[in-house]
Amino acid sequence: MSDQQIEAAVFRRLLSHLDNRKDVQNIDLMNLAGFCRNCLSKWYAEAAAEEGRSIDKEAAREIVYGMPYAEWKAQYQTEATPEQAAQFAAQQDPSAGE
């Protein structure tokens, strides 16, 4: 198995894991890891562009979310708590926590 095949398998496993953990919100991922499902879809579209393929934002999101983003958002996304939003904001502006 080539490195590229292994990396593709790992990516598919990551997507499967995220699909099985719809309870984990994007803001949770951003606060803990600094990336979320939307980041993955952006990276996917950027990698495709580097290979000369055009994949729009919504198509990339559907690959990552396993369904149209609007559908996933309506079914699974919850409102961020004030604590989650504050943590996210503090990470965006490191001086906010001082």
C-alpha atoms as a PDB file:
ATOM      1  CA  MET A   1       0.000   0.000   0.000  1.00  0.00           C
ATOM      2  CA  SER A   2       1.419   3.390  -0.969  1.00  0.00           C
ATOM      3  CA  ASP A   3       1.688   6.336   1.392  1.00  0.00           C
ATOM      4  CA  GLN A   4      -1.077   8.052  -0.569  1.00  0.00           C
ATOM      5  CA  GLN A   5      -3.382   5.041  -0.161  1.00  0.00           C
ATOM      6  CA  ILE A   6      -2.663   4.936   3.572  1.00  0.00           C
ATOM      7  CA  GLU A   7      -3.313   8.670   3.897  1.00  0.00           C
ATOM      8  CA  ALA A   8      -6.586   8.289   1.980  1.00  0.00           C
ATOM      9  CA  ALA A   9      -7.636   5.443   4.273  1.00  0.00           C
ATOM     10  CA  VAL A  10      -6.824   7.549   7.335  1.00  0.00           C
ATOM     11  CA  PHE A  11      -8.849  10.456   5.923  1.00  0.00           C
ATOM     12  CA  ARG A  12     -11.832   8.164   5.284  1.00  0.00           C
ATOM     13  CA  ARG A  13     -11.540   6.845   8.827  1.00  0.00           C
ATOM     14  CA  LEU A  14     -11.434  10.399  10.217  1.00  0.00           C
ATOM     15  CA  LEU A  15     -14.579  11.286   8.259  1.00  0.00           C
ATOM     16  CA  SER A  16     -16.281   8.129   9.511  1.00  0.00           C
ATOM     17  CA  HIS A  17     -15.283   8.919  13.078  1.00  0.00           C
ATOM     18  CA  LEU A  18     -16.641  12.462  12.792  1.00  0.00           C
ATOM     19  CA  ASP A  19     -19.820  11.107  11.216  1.00  0.00           C
ATOM     20  CA  ASN A  20     -20.282   8.810  14.195  1.00  0.00           C
ATOM     21  CA  ARG A  21     -19.734  11.733  16.579  1.00  0.00           C
ATOM     22  CA  LYS A  22     -22.316  14.224  15.379  1.00  0.00           C
ATOM     23  CA  ASP A  23     -22.683  15.196  19.038  1.00  0.00           C
ATOM     24  CA  VAL A  24     -19.271  16.861  18.788  1.00  0.00           C
ATOM     25  CA  GLN A  25     -19.968  20.317  17.478  1.00  0.00           C
ATOM     26  CA  ASN A  26     -17.612  22.222  15.188  1.00  0.00           C
ATOM     27  CA  ILE A  27     -17.009  24.787  17.911  1.00  0.00           C
ATOM     28  CA  ASP A  28     -15.884  21.953  20.207  1.00  0.00           C
ATOM     29  CA  LEU A  29     -13.407  20.822  17.564  1.00  0.00           C
ATOM     30  CA  MET A  30     -12.192  24.396  17.026  1.00  0.00           C
ATOM     31  CA  ASN A  31     -11.762  24.999  20.743  1.00  0.00           C
ATOM     32  CA  LEU A  32      -9.906  21.737  21.333  1.00  0.00           C
ATOM     33  CA  ALA A  33      -8.008  21.126  18.121  1.00  0.00           C
ATOM     34  CA  GLY A  34      -8.030  24.372  16.169  1.00  0.00           C
ATOM     35  CA  PHE A  35      -9.879  22.891  13.176  1.00  0.00           C
ATOM     36  CA  CYS A  36     -13.368  21.629  12.379  1.00  0.00           C
ATOM     37  CA  ARG A  37     -15.359  19.909   9.663  1.00  0.00           C
ATOM     38  CA  ASN A  38     -15.537  23.165   7.701  1.00  0.00           C
ATOM     39  CA  CYS A  39     -11.741  23.437   7.846  1.00  0.00           C
ATOM     40  CA  LEU A  40     -11.457  19.904   6.464  1.00  0.00           C
ATOM     41  CA  SER A  41     -13.781  20.761   3.598  1.00  0.00           C
ATOM     42  CA  LYS A  42     -11.792  23.917   2.844  1.00  0.00           C
ATOM     43  CA  TRP A  43      -8.551  21.916   2.861  1.00  0.00           C
ATOM     44  CA  TYR A  44     -10.168  19.324   0.593  1.00  0.00           C
ATOM     45  CA  ALA A  45     -11.167  21.978  -1.956  1.00  0.00           C
ATOM     46  CA  GLU A  46      -7.700  23.569  -1.767  1.00  0.00           C
ATOM     47  CA  ALA A  47      -5.983  20.203  -2.327  1.00  0.00           C
ATOM     48  CA  ALA A  48      -8.261  19.530  -5.287  1.00  0.00           C
ATOM     49  CA  ALA A  49      -7.384  22.941  -6.746  1.00  0.00           C
ATOM     50  CA  GLU A  50      -3.675  22.150  -6.371  1.00  0.00           C
ATOM     51  CA  GLU A  51      -4.329  19.099  -8.554  1.00  0.00           C
ATOM     52  CA  GLY A  52      -6.182  21.180 -11.142  1.00  0.00           C
ATOM     53  CA  ARG A  53      -9.654  20.080 -10.052  1.00  0.00           C
ATOM     54  CA  SER A  54     -12.360  22.552  -9.157  1.00  0.00           C
ATOM     55  CA  ILE A  55     -14.562  21.572  -6.223  1.00  0.00           C
ATOM     56  CA  ASP A  56     -16.807  24.264  -4.818  1.00  0.00           C
ATOM     57  CA  LYS A  57     -17.268  24.848  -1.105  1.00  0.00           C
ATOM     58  CA  GLU A  58     -20.632  23.098  -0.893  1.00  0.00           C
ATOM     59  CA  ALA A  59     -19.433  20.006  -2.771  1.00  0.00           C
ATOM     60  CA  ALA A  60     -16.405  19.740  -0.489  1.00  0.00           C
ATOM     61  CA  ARG A  61     -18.619  20.143   2.570  1.00  0.00           C
ATOM     62  CA  GLU A  62     -20.904  17.365   1.344  1.00  0.00           C
ATOM     63  CA  ILE A  63     -17.876  15.059   1.092  1.00  0.00           C
ATOM     64  CA  VAL A  64     -16.823  15.874   4.659  1.00  0.00           C
ATOM     65  CA  TYR A  65     -20.284  15.967   6.243  1.00  0.00           C
ATOM     66  CA  GLY A  66     -21.652  13.010   4.266  1.00  0.00           C
ATOM     67  CA  MET A  67     -24.712  15.066   3.320  1.00  0.00           C
ATOM     68  CA  PRO A  68     -25.488  18.616   2.218  1.00  0.00           C
ATOM     69  CA  TYR A  69     -24.165  21.055   4.818  1.00  0.00           C
ATOM     70  CA  ALA A  70     -27.541  22.759   5.253  1.00  0.00           C
ATOM     71  CA  GLU A  71     -29.112  19.390   6.055  1.00  0.00           C
ATOM     72  CA  TRP A  72     -26.383  18.483   8.575  1.00  0.00           C
ATOM     73  CA  LYS A  73     -26.641  21.902  10.177  1.00  0.00           C
ATOM     74  CA  ALA A  74     -30.426  21.661  10.517  1.00  0.00           C
ATOM     75  CA  GLN A  75     -30.288  18.162  11.991  1.00  0.00           C
ATOM     76  CA  TYR A  76     -27.207  18.233  14.193  1.00  0.00           C
ATOM     77  CA  GLN A  77     -25.803  21.694  14.848  1.00  0.00           C
ATOM     78  CA  THR A  78     -26.684  23.283  18.150  1.00  0.00           C
ATOM     79  CA  GLU A  79     -26.245  26.858  19.294  1.00  0.00           C
ATOM     80  CA  ALA A  80     -22.869  27.507  20.893  1.00  0.00           C
ATOM     81  CA  THR A  81     -23.004  28.016  24.623  1.00  0.00           C
ATOM     82  CA  PRO A  82     -21.721  31.325  25.981  1.00  0.00           C
ATOM     83  CA  GLU A  83     -18.732  29.419  27.387  1.00  0.00           C
ATOM     84  CA  GLN A  84     -17.922  27.828  24.020  1.00  0.00           C
ATOM     85  CA  ALA A  85     -18.229  31.162  22.254  1.00  0.00           C
ATOM     86  CA  ALA A  86     -16.025  32.893  24.839  1.00  0.00           C
ATOM     87  CA  GLN A  87     -13.355  30.193  24.551  1.00  0.00           C
ATOM     88  CA  PHE A  88     -13.426  30.468  20.769  1.00  0.00           C
ATOM     89  CA  ALA A  89     -13.198  34.257  20.884  1.00  0.00           C
ATOM     90  CA  ALA A  90     -10.288  34.120  23.326  1.00  0.00           C
ATOM     91  CA  GLN A  91      -8.399  31.793  21.004  1.00  0.00           C
ATOM     92  CA  GLN A  92      -8.987  34.137  18.087  1.00  0.00           C
ATOM     93  CA  ASP A  93      -7.690  37.119  20.053  1.00  0.00           C
ATOM     94  CA  PRO A  94      -4.997  35.960  22.497  1.00  0.00           C
ATOM     95  CA  SER A  95      -5.002  39.351  24.219  1.00  0.00           C
ATOM     96  CA  ALA A  96      -8.695  38.865  25.157  1.00  0.00           C
ATOM     97  CA  GLY A  97      -7.770  36.484  27.968  1.00  0.00           C
ATOM     98  CA  GLU A  98      -5.421  38.946  29.654  1.00  0.00           C
END
